[in-house]
Amino acid sequence: MMIKFLCRRLFRLTSYFFITLLTANLSYAETPVKLLAFGDSLTHGYGLEAGDTFPERLQVALRESGYNITVINGGNSGDTSASGRSRLDWALLDEAQIVIVELGANDGLRGLEPSQTRENLSQIVAGFKDSGAKVLLTGMQAPRNLGTEYVAEFDKIYPELAEEYNVAFYPFFLEGVALDASLNQADGIHPNRQGVDLIVQNILPYLEPLLEEGKE
């Protein structure tokens, strides 16, 4: 009788252990990855309807590809790299596992000193890396009317920082979209819905390896 009692007791304890373990694993699997898109109006979605912004369209595309992910819109229209740096501490509170850094367009439009842009972006990338997040740095290009010297100094900021901090790098956020009237709003600067969708399509191959790393 005692042996039967002990066997039943052991069976119940073992069953409880495996059920608890399975529930914990399912709970973990159901927790979405947090991806923060940290940038300026190009990220925030200036002039776009709800649902058409880069973070929203990116989340849709990633979920359609099977990724359990929440994309946080950390864009702020008008931000320079200095403005982004000033709100870095707030952004870190999101505790995102993956961060897309898209800043510098307004620095170039205003002709700000490239060395300051570099320092600001350096602090931003370092801050996110130190938090444990995987970073995808997206490049920006200076307006070509600012002269060859300024353009060369500005454009090299991004690939050099990506190499210095060993982070993923997408060479130009507006690749295939800049200067195409059909993909931009009336101001010729901010992408429309179609432009955003092309940006998402272009950036996915650079982003997905970071998501796959998280599965390992």
N, C-alpha and C. Protein backbone atom coordinates (compact mmCIF):
# COMPACT_ATOMS: atom_id res chain seq x y z
N MET A 1 0.83 -1.21 0.00
CA MET A 1 0.00 0.00 0.00
C MET A 1 0.86 1.26 0.00
N MET A 2 1.89 1.23 0.87
CA MET A 2 2.79 2.37 0.96
C MET A 2 3.52 2.62 -0.36
N ILE A 3 3.89 1.50 -1.01
CA ILE A 3 4.61 1.63 -2.29
C ILE A 3 3.71 2.27 -3.34
N LYS A 4 2.43 1.85 -3.39
CA LYS A 4 1.49 2.43 -4.34
C LYS A 4 1.28 3.91 -4.07
N PHE A 5 1.20 4.26 -2.80
CA PHE A 5 1.02 5.66 -2.42
C PHE A 5 2.20 6.51 -2.88
N LEU A 6 3.41 5.98 -2.64
CA LEU A 6 4.61 6.71 -3.02
C LEU A 6 4.71 6.86 -4.54
N CYS A 7 4.31 5.79 -5.26
CA CYS A 7 4.35 5.85 -6.73
C CYS A 7 3.39 6.90 -7.26
N ARG A 8 2.16 6.91 -6.68
CA ARG A 8 1.20 7.93 -7.11
C ARG A 8 1.70 9.33 -6.80
N ARG A 9 2.31 9.49 -5.63
CA ARG A 9 2.85 10.79 -5.22
C ARG A 9 3.96 11.25 -6.17
N LEU A 10 4.84 10.29 -6.51
CA LEU A 10 5.94 10.60 -7.41
C LEU A 10 5.41 10.98 -8.79
N PHE A 11 4.39 10.25 -9.26
CA PHE A 11 3.80 10.53 -10.57
C PHE A 11 3.22 11.94 -10.61
N ARG A 12 2.52 12.31 -9.54
CA ARG A 12 1.91 13.64 -9.48
C ARG A 12 2.98 14.74 -9.47
N LEU A 13 4.02 14.52 -8.70
CA LEU A 13 5.09 15.52 -8.63
C LEU A 13 5.80 15.66 -9.98
N THR A 14 6.05 14.51 -10.62
CA THR A 14 6.71 14.53 -11.92
C THR A 14 5.84 15.23 -12.96
N SER A 15 4.54 14.91 -12.95
CA SER A 15 3.61 15.54 -13.89
C SER A 15 3.56 17.04 -13.66
N TYR A 16 3.52 17.44 -12.39
CA TYR A 16 3.47 18.87 -12.07
C TYR A 16 4.72 19.59 -12.57
N PHE A 17 5.87 18.92 -12.42
CA PHE A 17 7.14 19.51 -12.85
C PHE A 17 7.14 19.76 -14.36
N PHE A 18 6.72 18.73 -15.12
CA PHE A 18 6.74 18.88 -16.59
C PHE A 18 5.70 19.86 -17.08
N ILE A 19 4.55 19.91 -16.44
CA ILE A 19 3.52 20.88 -16.83
C ILE A 19 4.00 22.30 -16.57
N THR A 20 4.64 22.49 -15.41
CA THR A 20 5.18 23.81 -15.07
C THR A 20 6.26 24.22 -16.06
N LEU A 21 7.12 23.27 -16.41
CA LEU A 21 8.21 23.56 -17.36
C LEU A 21 7.65 23.90 -18.73
N LEU A 22 6.64 23.13 -19.18
CA LEU A 22 6.04 23.37 -20.48
C LEU A 22 5.35 24.73 -20.52
N THR A 23 4.64 25.05 -19.44
CA THR A 23 3.95 26.34 -19.37
C THR A 23 4.94 27.49 -19.40
N ALA A 24 6.05 27.34 -18.71
CA ALA A 24 7.08 28.38 -18.69
C ALA A 24 7.66 28.58 -20.07
N ASN A 25 7.91 27.45 -20.78
CA ASN A 25 8.49 27.56 -22.12
C ASN A 25 7.53 28.21 -23.09
N LEU A 26 6.24 27.85 -22.99
CA LEU A 26 5.24 28.46 -23.86
C LEU A 26 5.11 29.94 -23.58
N SER A 27 5.17 30.29 -22.30
CA SER A 27 5.07 31.70 -21.92
C SER A 27 6.23 32.49 -22.48
N TYR A 28 7.45 31.87 -22.42
CA TYR A 28 8.63 32.54 -22.96
C TYR A 28 8.50 32.71 -24.47
N ALA A 29 8.02 31.62 -25.13
CA ALA A 29 7.92 31.66 -26.58
C ALA A 29 6.91 32.69 -27.05
N GLU A 30 5.89 32.94 -26.20
CA GLU A 30 4.84 33.86 -26.59
C GLU A 30 5.20 35.32 -26.29
N THR A 31 6.30 35.54 -25.61
CA THR A 31 6.72 36.90 -25.30
C THR A 31 7.36 37.52 -26.55
N PRO A 32 6.78 38.56 -27.11
CA PRO A 32 7.33 39.11 -28.35
C PRO A 32 8.67 39.80 -28.13
N VAL A 33 9.51 39.71 -29.15
CA VAL A 33 10.76 40.46 -29.16
C VAL A 33 10.42 41.94 -29.31
N LYS A 34 11.13 42.78 -28.57
CA LYS A 34 10.91 44.23 -28.69
C LYS A 34 11.99 44.84 -29.59
N LEU A 35 11.53 45.48 -30.64
CA LEU A 35 12.43 46.17 -31.56
C LEU A 35 12.10 47.66 -31.50
N LEU A 36 13.09 48.47 -31.23
CA LEU A 36 12.92 49.92 -31.16
C LEU A 36 13.46 50.57 -32.43
N ALA A 37 12.61 51.29 -33.13
CA ALA A 37 13.05 52.11 -34.27
C ALA A 37 13.28 53.52 -33.73
N PHE A 38 14.54 53.90 -33.64
CA PHE A 38 14.94 55.14 -32.98
C PHE A 38 15.44 56.12 -34.02
N GLY A 39 14.66 57.19 -34.26
CA GLY A 39 15.07 58.10 -35.32
C GLY A 39 14.34 59.42 -35.32
N ASP A 40 14.25 60.01 -36.51
CA ASP A 40 13.63 61.32 -36.68
C ASP A 40 12.29 61.17 -37.39
N SER A 41 11.90 62.15 -38.19
CA SER A 41 10.59 62.12 -38.86
C SER A 41 10.45 60.96 -39.83
N LEU A 42 11.56 60.48 -40.38
CA LEU A 42 11.50 59.35 -41.31
C LEU A 42 11.02 58.09 -40.60
N THR A 43 11.37 57.99 -39.32
CA THR A 43 10.89 56.89 -38.50
C THR A 43 9.52 57.19 -37.91
N HIS A 44 9.37 58.41 -37.40
CA HIS A 44 8.13 58.78 -36.72
C HIS A 44 6.93 58.70 -37.64
N GLY A 45 7.12 59.05 -38.92
CA GLY A 45 6.04 58.95 -39.88
C GLY A 45 5.39 60.27 -40.22
N TYR A 46 6.20 61.30 -40.36
CA TYR A 46 5.69 62.63 -40.70
C TYR A 46 4.79 62.58 -41.93
N GLY A 47 3.58 63.15 -41.80
CA GLY A 47 2.67 63.27 -42.92
C GLY A 47 1.93 62.00 -43.31
N LEU A 48 2.12 60.92 -42.56
CA LEU A 48 1.50 59.64 -42.90
C LEU A 48 0.28 59.36 -42.03
N GLU A 49 -0.62 58.56 -42.57
CA GLU A 49 -1.78 58.11 -41.81
C GLU A 49 -1.35 57.03 -40.81
N ALA A 50 -2.15 56.86 -39.76
CA ALA A 50 -1.90 55.78 -38.81
C ALA A 50 -1.89 54.45 -39.55
N GLY A 51 -0.90 53.64 -39.26
CA GLY A 51 -0.75 52.35 -39.92
C GLY A 51 0.23 52.37 -41.07
N ASP A 52 0.63 53.57 -41.51
CA ASP A 52 1.52 53.70 -42.67
C ASP A 52 2.96 54.03 -42.30
N THR A 53 3.26 54.21 -41.03
CA THR A 53 4.61 54.61 -40.62
C THR A 53 5.59 53.45 -40.76
N PHE A 54 6.85 53.77 -40.78
CA PHE A 54 7.89 52.74 -40.91
C PHE A 54 7.80 51.68 -39.81
N PRO A 55 7.71 52.05 -38.52
CA PRO A 55 7.62 51.02 -37.48
C PRO A 55 6.40 50.11 -37.66
N GLU A 56 5.26 50.70 -38.03
CA GLU A 56 4.05 49.89 -38.19
C GLU A 56 4.14 48.95 -39.38
N ARG A 57 4.63 49.44 -40.49
CA ARG A 57 4.76 48.60 -41.69
C ARG A 57 5.83 47.53 -41.49
N LEU A 58 6.88 47.87 -40.74
CA LEU A 58 7.92 46.89 -40.45
C LEU A 58 7.36 45.78 -39.57
N GLN A 59 6.57 46.13 -38.58
CA GLN A 59 5.98 45.11 -37.70
C GLN A 59 5.09 44.17 -38.50
N VAL A 60 4.29 44.72 -39.40
CA VAL A 60 3.43 43.89 -40.24
C VAL A 60 4.26 42.92 -41.06
N ALA A 61 5.31 43.41 -41.70
CA ALA A 61 6.14 42.57 -42.56
C ALA A 61 6.83 41.47 -41.76
N LEU A 62 7.33 41.81 -40.58
CA LEU A 62 8.03 40.82 -39.76
C LEU A 62 7.07 39.76 -39.24
N ARG A 63 5.89 40.17 -38.84
CA ARG A 63 4.91 39.19 -38.36
C ARG A 63 4.44 38.28 -39.48
N GLU A 64 4.30 38.84 -40.68
CA GLU A 64 3.93 38.01 -41.82
C GLU A 64 5.02 37.00 -42.15
N SER A 65 6.25 37.32 -41.77
CA SER A 65 7.37 36.41 -41.99
C SER A 65 7.53 35.41 -40.85
N GLY A 66 6.65 35.49 -39.87
CA GLY A 66 6.65 34.51 -38.78
C GLY A 66 7.35 34.94 -37.51
N TYR A 67 7.77 36.19 -37.42
CA TYR A 67 8.46 36.66 -36.22
C TYR A 67 7.45 37.22 -35.21
N ASN A 68 7.59 36.78 -33.96
CA ASN A 68 6.75 37.31 -32.89
C ASN A 68 7.45 38.55 -32.35
N ILE A 69 7.02 39.70 -32.81
CA ILE A 69 7.78 40.93 -32.55
C ILE A 69 6.86 42.13 -32.39
N THR A 70 7.28 43.03 -31.53
CA THR A 70 6.61 44.31 -31.37
C THR A 70 7.60 45.40 -31.73
N VAL A 71 7.23 46.26 -32.67
CA VAL A 71 8.11 47.34 -33.11
C VAL A 71 7.65 48.64 -32.43
N ILE A 72 8.52 49.25 -31.68
CA ILE A 72 8.23 50.49 -30.96
C ILE A 72 8.64 51.68 -31.81
N ASN A 73 7.74 52.64 -31.94
CA ASN A 73 8.05 53.85 -32.70
C ASN A 73 8.78 54.83 -31.80
N GLY A 74 10.11 54.88 -31.95
CA GLY A 74 10.94 55.80 -31.18
C GLY A 74 11.41 56.96 -32.03
N GLY A 75 10.61 57.31 -33.03
CA GLY A 75 10.94 58.45 -33.88
C GLY A 75 10.41 59.74 -33.32
N ASN A 76 11.10 60.83 -33.60
CA ASN A 76 10.66 62.15 -33.16
C ASN A 76 10.96 63.15 -34.27
N SER A 77 9.92 63.66 -34.89
CA SER A 77 10.09 64.56 -36.04
C SER A 77 10.93 65.78 -35.67
N GLY A 78 11.87 66.10 -36.54
CA GLY A 78 12.74 67.26 -36.32
C GLY A 78 14.02 66.96 -35.60
N ASP A 79 14.17 65.75 -35.10
CA ASP A 79 15.38 65.42 -34.33
C ASP A 79 16.64 65.48 -35.17
N THR A 80 17.65 66.08 -34.60
CA THR A 80 19.02 65.95 -35.09
C THR A 80 19.67 64.82 -34.30
N SER A 81 20.90 64.50 -34.61
CA SER A 81 21.60 63.48 -33.83
C SER A 81 21.76 63.93 -32.38
N ALA A 82 21.92 65.23 -32.17
CA ALA A 82 22.04 65.76 -30.80
C ALA A 82 20.74 65.59 -30.03
N SER A 83 19.62 65.82 -30.70
CA SER A 83 18.32 65.64 -30.06
C SER A 83 18.11 64.17 -29.69
N GLY A 84 18.50 63.30 -30.60
CA GLY A 84 18.39 61.87 -30.31
C GLY A 84 19.25 61.48 -29.13
N ARG A 85 20.45 62.01 -29.09
CA ARG A 85 21.35 61.71 -27.96
C ARG A 85 20.75 62.19 -26.65
N SER A 86 20.06 63.31 -26.67
CA SER A 86 19.51 63.88 -25.43
C SER A 86 18.37 63.04 -24.87
N ARG A 87 17.73 62.22 -25.70
CA ARG A 87 16.64 61.38 -25.20
C ARG A 87 17.02 59.90 -25.16
N LEU A 88 18.29 59.63 -25.23
CA LEU A 88 18.77 58.25 -25.21
C LEU A 88 18.36 57.52 -23.93
N ASP A 89 18.52 58.19 -22.78
CA ASP A 89 18.19 57.54 -21.51
C ASP A 89 16.73 57.11 -21.46
N TRP A 90 15.85 57.92 -22.04
CA TRP A 90 14.44 57.57 -22.07
C TRP A 90 14.23 56.36 -22.97
N ALA A 91 14.93 56.33 -24.09
CA ALA A 91 14.78 55.22 -25.03
C ALA A 91 15.26 53.90 -24.43
N LEU A 92 16.27 53.97 -23.60
CA LEU A 92 16.80 52.76 -22.97
C LEU A 92 15.79 52.12 -22.01
N LEU A 93 14.85 52.90 -21.54
CA LEU A 93 13.83 52.37 -20.63
C LEU A 93 12.91 51.37 -21.33
N ASP A 94 12.87 51.41 -22.66
CA ASP A 94 12.05 50.44 -23.40
C ASP A 94 12.63 49.03 -23.34
N GLU A 95 13.92 48.93 -23.00
CA GLU A 95 14.60 47.64 -22.88
C GLU A 95 14.41 46.77 -24.13
N ALA A 96 14.60 47.39 -25.28
CA ALA A 96 14.46 46.67 -26.55
C ALA A 96 15.64 45.73 -26.76
N GLN A 97 15.34 44.57 -27.34
CA GLN A 97 16.41 43.62 -27.67
C GLN A 97 17.12 43.98 -28.96
N ILE A 98 16.41 44.67 -29.86
CA ILE A 98 16.98 45.08 -31.14
C ILE A 98 16.63 46.55 -31.37
N VAL A 99 17.59 47.31 -31.88
CA VAL A 99 17.38 48.75 -32.11
C VAL A 99 17.85 49.12 -33.52
N ILE A 100 16.99 49.80 -34.24
CA ILE A 100 17.38 50.41 -35.52
C ILE A 100 17.65 51.89 -35.24
N VAL A 101 18.84 52.34 -35.54
CA VAL A 101 19.21 53.75 -35.33
C VAL A 101 19.16 54.46 -36.67
N GLU A 102 18.26 55.42 -36.79
CA GLU A 102 18.08 56.20 -38.03
C GLU A 102 18.09 57.68 -37.65
N LEU A 103 19.25 58.30 -37.73
CA LEU A 103 19.39 59.71 -37.38
C LEU A 103 20.48 60.34 -38.23
N GLY A 104 20.39 61.66 -38.37
CA GLY A 104 21.43 62.39 -39.08
C GLY A 104 20.93 63.15 -40.30
N ALA A 105 19.72 62.81 -40.77
CA ALA A 105 19.20 63.50 -41.96
C ALA A 105 19.09 65.00 -41.71
N ASN A 106 18.59 65.38 -40.54
CA ASN A 106 18.43 66.80 -40.24
C ASN A 106 19.77 67.50 -40.00
N ASP A 107 20.76 66.76 -39.55
CA ASP A 107 22.11 67.32 -39.43
C ASP A 107 22.61 67.74 -40.80
N GLY A 108 22.43 66.84 -41.78
CA GLY A 108 22.88 67.14 -43.12
C GLY A 108 22.11 68.28 -43.76
N LEU A 109 20.80 68.28 -43.57
CA LEU A 109 19.98 69.36 -44.15
C LEU A 109 20.36 70.72 -43.60
N ARG A 110 20.81 70.75 -42.35
CA ARG A 110 21.19 72.02 -41.72
C ARG A 110 22.68 72.32 -41.86
N GLY A 111 23.40 71.41 -42.47
CA GLY A 111 24.84 71.62 -42.66
C GLY A 111 25.61 71.64 -41.36
N LEU A 112 25.17 70.85 -40.39
CA LEU A 112 25.84 70.82 -39.09
C LEU A 112 27.21 70.15 -39.21
N GLU A 113 28.07 70.46 -38.28
CA GLU A 113 29.44 69.95 -38.31
C GLU A 113 29.45 68.42 -38.23
N PRO A 114 30.01 67.73 -39.23
CA PRO A 114 30.01 66.27 -39.24
C PRO A 114 30.67 65.64 -38.02
N SER A 115 31.69 66.28 -37.48
CA SER A 115 32.35 65.70 -36.31
C SER A 115 31.40 65.61 -35.12
N GLN A 116 30.48 66.58 -35.01
CA GLN A 116 29.50 66.54 -33.93
C GLN A 116 28.46 65.45 -34.18
N THR A 117 28.07 65.31 -35.44
CA THR A 117 27.14 64.24 -35.80
C THR A 117 27.74 62.89 -35.45
N ARG A 118 29.01 62.72 -35.79
CA ARG A 118 29.71 61.47 -35.49
C ARG A 118 29.73 61.19 -34.00
N GLU A 119 30.05 62.21 -33.20
CA GLU A 119 30.14 62.02 -31.75
C GLU A 119 28.77 61.66 -31.17
N ASN A 120 27.73 62.33 -31.63
CA ASN A 120 26.39 62.04 -31.12
C ASN A 120 25.96 60.61 -31.47
N LEU A 121 26.16 60.23 -32.72
CA LEU A 121 25.79 58.88 -33.14
C LEU A 121 26.63 57.83 -32.43
N SER A 122 27.88 58.15 -32.20
CA SER A 122 28.76 57.24 -31.48
C SER A 122 28.22 56.96 -30.08
N GLN A 123 27.80 58.00 -29.39
CA GLN A 123 27.26 57.84 -28.04
C GLN A 123 25.94 57.06 -28.05
N ILE A 124 25.14 57.28 -29.08
CA ILE A 124 23.86 56.58 -29.18
C ILE A 124 24.08 55.09 -29.42
N VAL A 125 24.92 54.76 -30.38
CA VAL A 125 25.19 53.36 -30.69
C VAL A 125 25.82 52.67 -29.48
N ALA A 126 26.78 53.33 -28.85
CA ALA A 126 27.43 52.75 -27.67
C ALA A 126 26.43 52.53 -26.54
N GLY A 127 25.53 53.48 -26.35
CA GLY A 127 24.54 53.36 -25.29
C GLY A 127 23.63 52.16 -25.48
N PHE A 128 23.16 51.95 -26.71
CA PHE A 128 22.30 50.81 -26.97
C PHE A 128 23.07 49.50 -26.87
N LYS A 129 24.31 49.48 -27.36
CA LYS A 129 25.11 48.26 -27.26
C LYS A 129 25.37 47.90 -25.81
N ASP A 130 25.69 48.89 -25.01
CA ASP A 130 25.97 48.64 -23.59
C ASP A 130 24.74 48.10 -22.86
N SER A 131 23.55 48.40 -23.39
CA SER A 131 22.33 47.90 -22.76
C SER A 131 22.08 46.43 -23.10
N GLY A 132 22.87 45.91 -24.03
CA GLY A 132 22.70 44.52 -24.45
C GLY A 132 21.90 44.35 -25.71
N ALA A 133 21.45 45.44 -26.31
CA ALA A 133 20.64 45.37 -27.53
C ALA A 133 21.52 45.11 -28.75
N LYS A 134 20.96 44.43 -29.73
CA LYS A 134 21.60 44.31 -31.04
C LYS A 134 21.21 45.55 -31.85
N VAL A 135 22.18 46.14 -32.52
CA VAL A 135 21.96 47.42 -33.20
C VAL A 135 22.11 47.27 -34.71
N LEU A 136 21.16 47.88 -35.43
CA LEU A 136 21.28 48.05 -36.88
C LEU A 136 21.38 49.54 -37.13
N LEU A 137 22.54 49.99 -37.57
CA LEU A 137 22.76 51.40 -37.89
C LEU A 137 22.42 51.64 -39.35
N THR A 138 21.56 52.62 -39.61
CA THR A 138 21.20 52.93 -41.00
C THR A 138 21.91 54.21 -41.43
N GLY A 139 22.48 54.17 -42.61
CA GLY A 139 23.24 55.31 -43.10
C GLY A 139 22.35 56.40 -43.69
N MET A 140 22.92 57.59 -43.74
CA MET A 140 22.27 58.74 -44.34
C MET A 140 23.30 59.43 -45.22
N GLN A 141 22.82 60.18 -46.20
CA GLN A 141 23.71 60.90 -47.10
C GLN A 141 23.44 62.39 -47.01
N ALA A 142 24.53 63.17 -47.05
CA ALA A 142 24.39 64.63 -47.01
C ALA A 142 23.87 65.16 -48.34
N PRO A 143 23.13 66.26 -48.33
CA PRO A 143 22.71 66.90 -49.58
C PRO A 143 23.93 67.22 -50.45
N ARG A 144 23.86 66.91 -51.71
CA ARG A 144 25.03 67.04 -52.59
C ARG A 144 25.40 68.49 -52.89
N ASN A 145 24.51 69.43 -52.55
CA ASN A 145 24.82 70.84 -52.82
C ASN A 145 25.69 71.46 -51.73
N LEU A 146 26.09 70.67 -50.74
CA LEU A 146 26.91 71.20 -49.65
C LEU A 146 28.41 71.10 -49.95
N GLY A 147 28.75 70.57 -51.09
CA GLY A 147 30.15 70.51 -51.49
C GLY A 147 30.76 69.14 -51.25
N THR A 148 31.73 68.80 -52.08
CA THR A 148 32.31 67.46 -52.04
C THR A 148 33.00 67.15 -50.71
N GLU A 149 33.65 68.15 -50.11
CA GLU A 149 34.37 67.92 -48.86
C GLU A 149 33.39 67.58 -47.73
N TYR A 150 32.32 68.37 -47.63
CA TYR A 150 31.33 68.12 -46.57
C TYR A 150 30.66 66.76 -46.79
N VAL A 151 30.27 66.50 -48.04
CA VAL A 151 29.59 65.25 -48.37
C VAL A 151 30.46 64.05 -48.01
N ALA A 152 31.72 64.10 -48.36
CA ALA A 152 32.63 62.98 -48.09
C ALA A 152 32.79 62.77 -46.58
N GLU A 153 32.93 63.86 -45.83
CA GLU A 153 33.12 63.74 -44.38
C GLU A 153 31.85 63.22 -43.70
N PHE A 154 30.70 63.68 -44.18
CA PHE A 154 29.44 63.27 -43.57
C PHE A 154 29.12 61.81 -43.90
N ASP A 155 29.20 61.45 -45.16
CA ASP A 155 28.77 60.12 -45.59
C ASP A 155 29.60 59.01 -44.96
N LYS A 156 30.86 59.26 -44.67
CA LYS A 156 31.71 58.19 -44.13
C LYS A 156 31.47 57.93 -42.65
N ILE A 157 30.70 58.81 -41.99
CA ILE A 157 30.42 58.63 -40.57
C ILE A 157 29.82 57.25 -40.31
N TYR A 158 28.85 56.88 -41.09
CA TYR A 158 28.04 55.68 -40.81
C TYR A 158 28.80 54.37 -41.00
N PRO A 159 29.43 54.15 -42.14
CA PRO A 159 30.18 52.88 -42.26
C PRO A 159 31.32 52.78 -41.26
N GLU A 160 31.95 53.91 -40.94
CA GLU A 160 33.05 53.86 -39.98
C GLU A 160 32.56 53.54 -38.57
N LEU A 161 31.42 54.10 -38.17
CA LEU A 161 30.88 53.78 -36.85
C LEU A 161 30.41 52.33 -36.78
N ALA A 162 29.81 51.85 -37.86
CA ALA A 162 29.36 50.46 -37.88
C ALA A 162 30.54 49.51 -37.70
N GLU A 163 31.65 49.84 -38.33
CA GLU A 163 32.85 49.00 -38.20
C GLU A 163 33.45 49.15 -36.80
N GLU A 164 33.49 50.38 -36.31
CA GLU A 164 34.08 50.62 -34.99
C GLU A 164 33.34 49.86 -33.88
N TYR A 165 32.02 49.86 -33.95
CA TYR A 165 31.21 49.23 -32.89
C TYR A 165 30.74 47.82 -33.27
N ASN A 166 31.13 47.36 -34.44
CA ASN A 166 30.79 46.01 -34.88
C ASN A 166 29.28 45.77 -34.82
N VAL A 167 28.53 46.66 -35.45
CA VAL A 167 27.08 46.52 -35.50
C VAL A 167 26.63 46.34 -36.95
N ALA A 168 25.43 45.81 -37.11
CA ALA A 168 24.87 45.64 -38.45
C ALA A 168 24.69 47.02 -39.10
N PHE A 169 24.82 47.05 -40.42
CA PHE A 169 24.81 48.33 -41.12
C PHE A 169 24.00 48.25 -42.41
N TYR A 170 23.04 49.16 -42.54
CA TYR A 170 22.28 49.33 -43.78
C TYR A 170 22.74 50.65 -44.39
N PRO A 171 23.39 50.63 -45.54
CA PRO A 171 24.11 51.81 -46.04
C PRO A 171 23.31 53.10 -46.19
N PHE A 172 22.04 53.01 -46.65
CA PHE A 172 21.29 54.25 -46.89
C PHE A 172 19.81 54.00 -46.63
N PHE A 173 19.27 54.64 -45.61
CA PHE A 173 17.89 54.40 -45.20
C PHE A 173 16.90 54.65 -46.33
N LEU A 174 17.17 55.64 -47.17
CA LEU A 174 16.25 56.03 -48.24
C LEU A 174 16.63 55.42 -49.59
N GLU A 175 17.36 54.32 -49.58
CA GLU A 175 17.78 53.67 -50.81
C GLU A 175 16.58 53.35 -51.70
N GLY A 176 16.63 53.82 -52.96
CA GLY A 176 15.56 53.56 -53.91
C GLY A 176 14.35 54.46 -53.76
N VAL A 177 14.35 55.28 -52.71
CA VAL A 177 13.20 56.15 -52.42
C VAL A 177 13.54 57.63 -52.63
N ALA A 178 14.72 58.03 -52.19
CA ALA A 178 15.13 59.43 -52.31
C ALA A 178 15.07 59.89 -53.77
N LEU A 179 14.51 61.07 -53.98
CA LEU A 179 14.43 61.74 -55.28
C LEU A 179 13.44 61.10 -56.25
N ASP A 180 12.69 60.10 -55.79
CA ASP A 180 11.65 59.50 -56.64
C ASP A 180 10.31 60.09 -56.22
N ALA A 181 9.77 60.96 -57.04
CA ALA A 181 8.55 61.69 -56.70
C ALA A 181 7.38 60.75 -56.40
N SER A 182 7.33 59.61 -57.06
CA SER A 182 6.21 58.68 -56.87
C SER A 182 6.25 57.99 -55.51
N LEU A 183 7.40 58.04 -54.84
CA LEU A 183 7.56 57.36 -53.56
C LEU A 183 7.65 58.33 -52.38
N ASN A 184 7.48 59.63 -52.68
CA ASN A 184 7.60 60.64 -51.64
C ASN A 184 6.35 61.52 -51.58
N GLN A 185 6.19 62.17 -50.45
CA GLN A 185 5.11 63.12 -50.28
C GLN A 185 5.43 64.39 -51.08
N ALA A 186 4.54 65.35 -51.03
CA ALA A 186 4.69 66.56 -51.84
C ALA A 186 5.95 67.34 -51.52
N ASP A 187 6.47 67.18 -50.28
CA ASP A 187 7.69 67.93 -49.92
C ASP A 187 8.94 67.35 -50.56
N GLY A 188 8.83 66.17 -51.16
CA GLY A 188 9.98 65.55 -51.82
C GLY A 188 11.01 65.00 -50.87
N ILE A 189 10.72 64.99 -49.58
CA ILE A 189 11.68 64.54 -48.56
C ILE A 189 11.19 63.31 -47.82
N HIS A 190 9.91 63.33 -47.44
CA HIS A 190 9.37 62.26 -46.60
C HIS A 190 8.64 61.21 -47.45
N PRO A 191 8.94 59.94 -47.23
CA PRO A 191 8.31 58.88 -48.02
C PRO A 191 6.79 58.81 -47.81
N ASN A 192 6.08 58.41 -48.86
CA ASN A 192 4.66 58.11 -48.73
C ASN A 192 4.53 56.62 -48.37
N ARG A 193 3.31 56.11 -48.35
CA ARG A 193 3.09 54.71 -47.97
C ARG A 193 3.89 53.76 -48.85
N GLN A 194 3.90 54.02 -50.15
CA GLN A 194 4.64 53.15 -51.07
C GLN A 194 6.14 53.23 -50.80
N GLY A 195 6.62 54.44 -50.50
CA GLY A 195 8.03 54.60 -50.19
C GLY A 195 8.42 53.87 -48.92
N VAL A 196 7.56 53.95 -47.91
CA VAL A 196 7.82 53.25 -46.66
C VAL A 196 7.90 51.74 -46.89
N ASP A 197 6.98 51.22 -47.69
CA ASP A 197 6.98 49.79 -47.97
C ASP A 197 8.26 49.35 -48.67
N LEU A 198 8.79 50.21 -49.54
CA LEU A 198 10.05 49.86 -50.21
C LEU A 198 11.21 49.88 -49.21
N ILE A 199 11.22 50.85 -48.30
CA ILE A 199 12.25 50.89 -47.27
C ILE A 199 12.22 49.61 -46.44
N VAL A 200 11.02 49.21 -46.04
CA VAL A 200 10.86 47.98 -45.25
C VAL A 200 11.39 46.78 -46.04
N GLN A 201 11.01 46.69 -47.29
CA GLN A 201 11.46 45.58 -48.13
C GLN A 201 12.98 45.54 -48.24
N ASN A 202 13.59 46.71 -48.40
CA ASN A 202 15.04 46.79 -48.56
C ASN A 202 15.80 46.47 -47.29
N ILE A 203 15.23 46.84 -46.15
CA ILE A 203 15.97 46.72 -44.89
C ILE A 203 15.84 45.33 -44.26
N LEU A 204 14.80 44.59 -44.63
CA LEU A 204 14.55 43.28 -44.02
C LEU A 204 15.76 42.33 -44.09
N PRO A 205 16.44 42.21 -45.23
CA PRO A 205 17.58 41.29 -45.27
C PRO A 205 18.71 41.66 -44.31
N TYR A 206 18.79 42.91 -43.92
CA TYR A 206 19.82 43.35 -42.98
C TYR A 206 19.36 43.14 -41.53
N LEU A 207 18.06 43.11 -41.34
CA LEU A 207 17.49 42.99 -40.00
C LEU A 207 17.27 41.55 -39.57
N GLU A 208 16.87 40.70 -40.50
CA GLU A 208 16.51 39.33 -40.15
C GLU A 208 17.65 38.53 -39.52
N PRO A 209 18.92 38.71 -39.92
CA PRO A 209 19.99 37.99 -39.23
C PRO A 209 20.04 38.29 -37.73
N LEU A 210 19.70 39.51 -37.34
CA LEU A 210 19.69 39.85 -35.92
C LEU A 210 18.57 39.11 -35.19
N LEU A 211 17.44 38.95 -35.86
CA LEU A 211 16.32 38.21 -35.28
C LEU A 211 16.65 36.73 -35.18
N GLU A 212 17.35 36.20 -36.16
CA GLU A 212 17.72 34.80 -36.13
C GLU A 212 18.73 34.52 -35.03
N GLU A 213 19.62 35.48 -34.77
CA GLU A 213 20.59 35.32 -33.68
C GLU A 213 19.86 35.14 -32.35
N GLY A 214 18.75 35.84 -32.21
CA GLY A 214 18.00 35.79 -30.96
C GLY A 214 17.36 34.44 -30.71
N LYS A 215 17.25 33.61 -31.77
CA LYS A 215 16.64 32.29 -31.62
C LYS A 215 17.65 31.26 -31.15
N GLU A 216 18.93 31.59 -31.26
CA GLU A 216 19.97 30.60 -30.96
C GLU A 216 20.14 30.43 -29.45
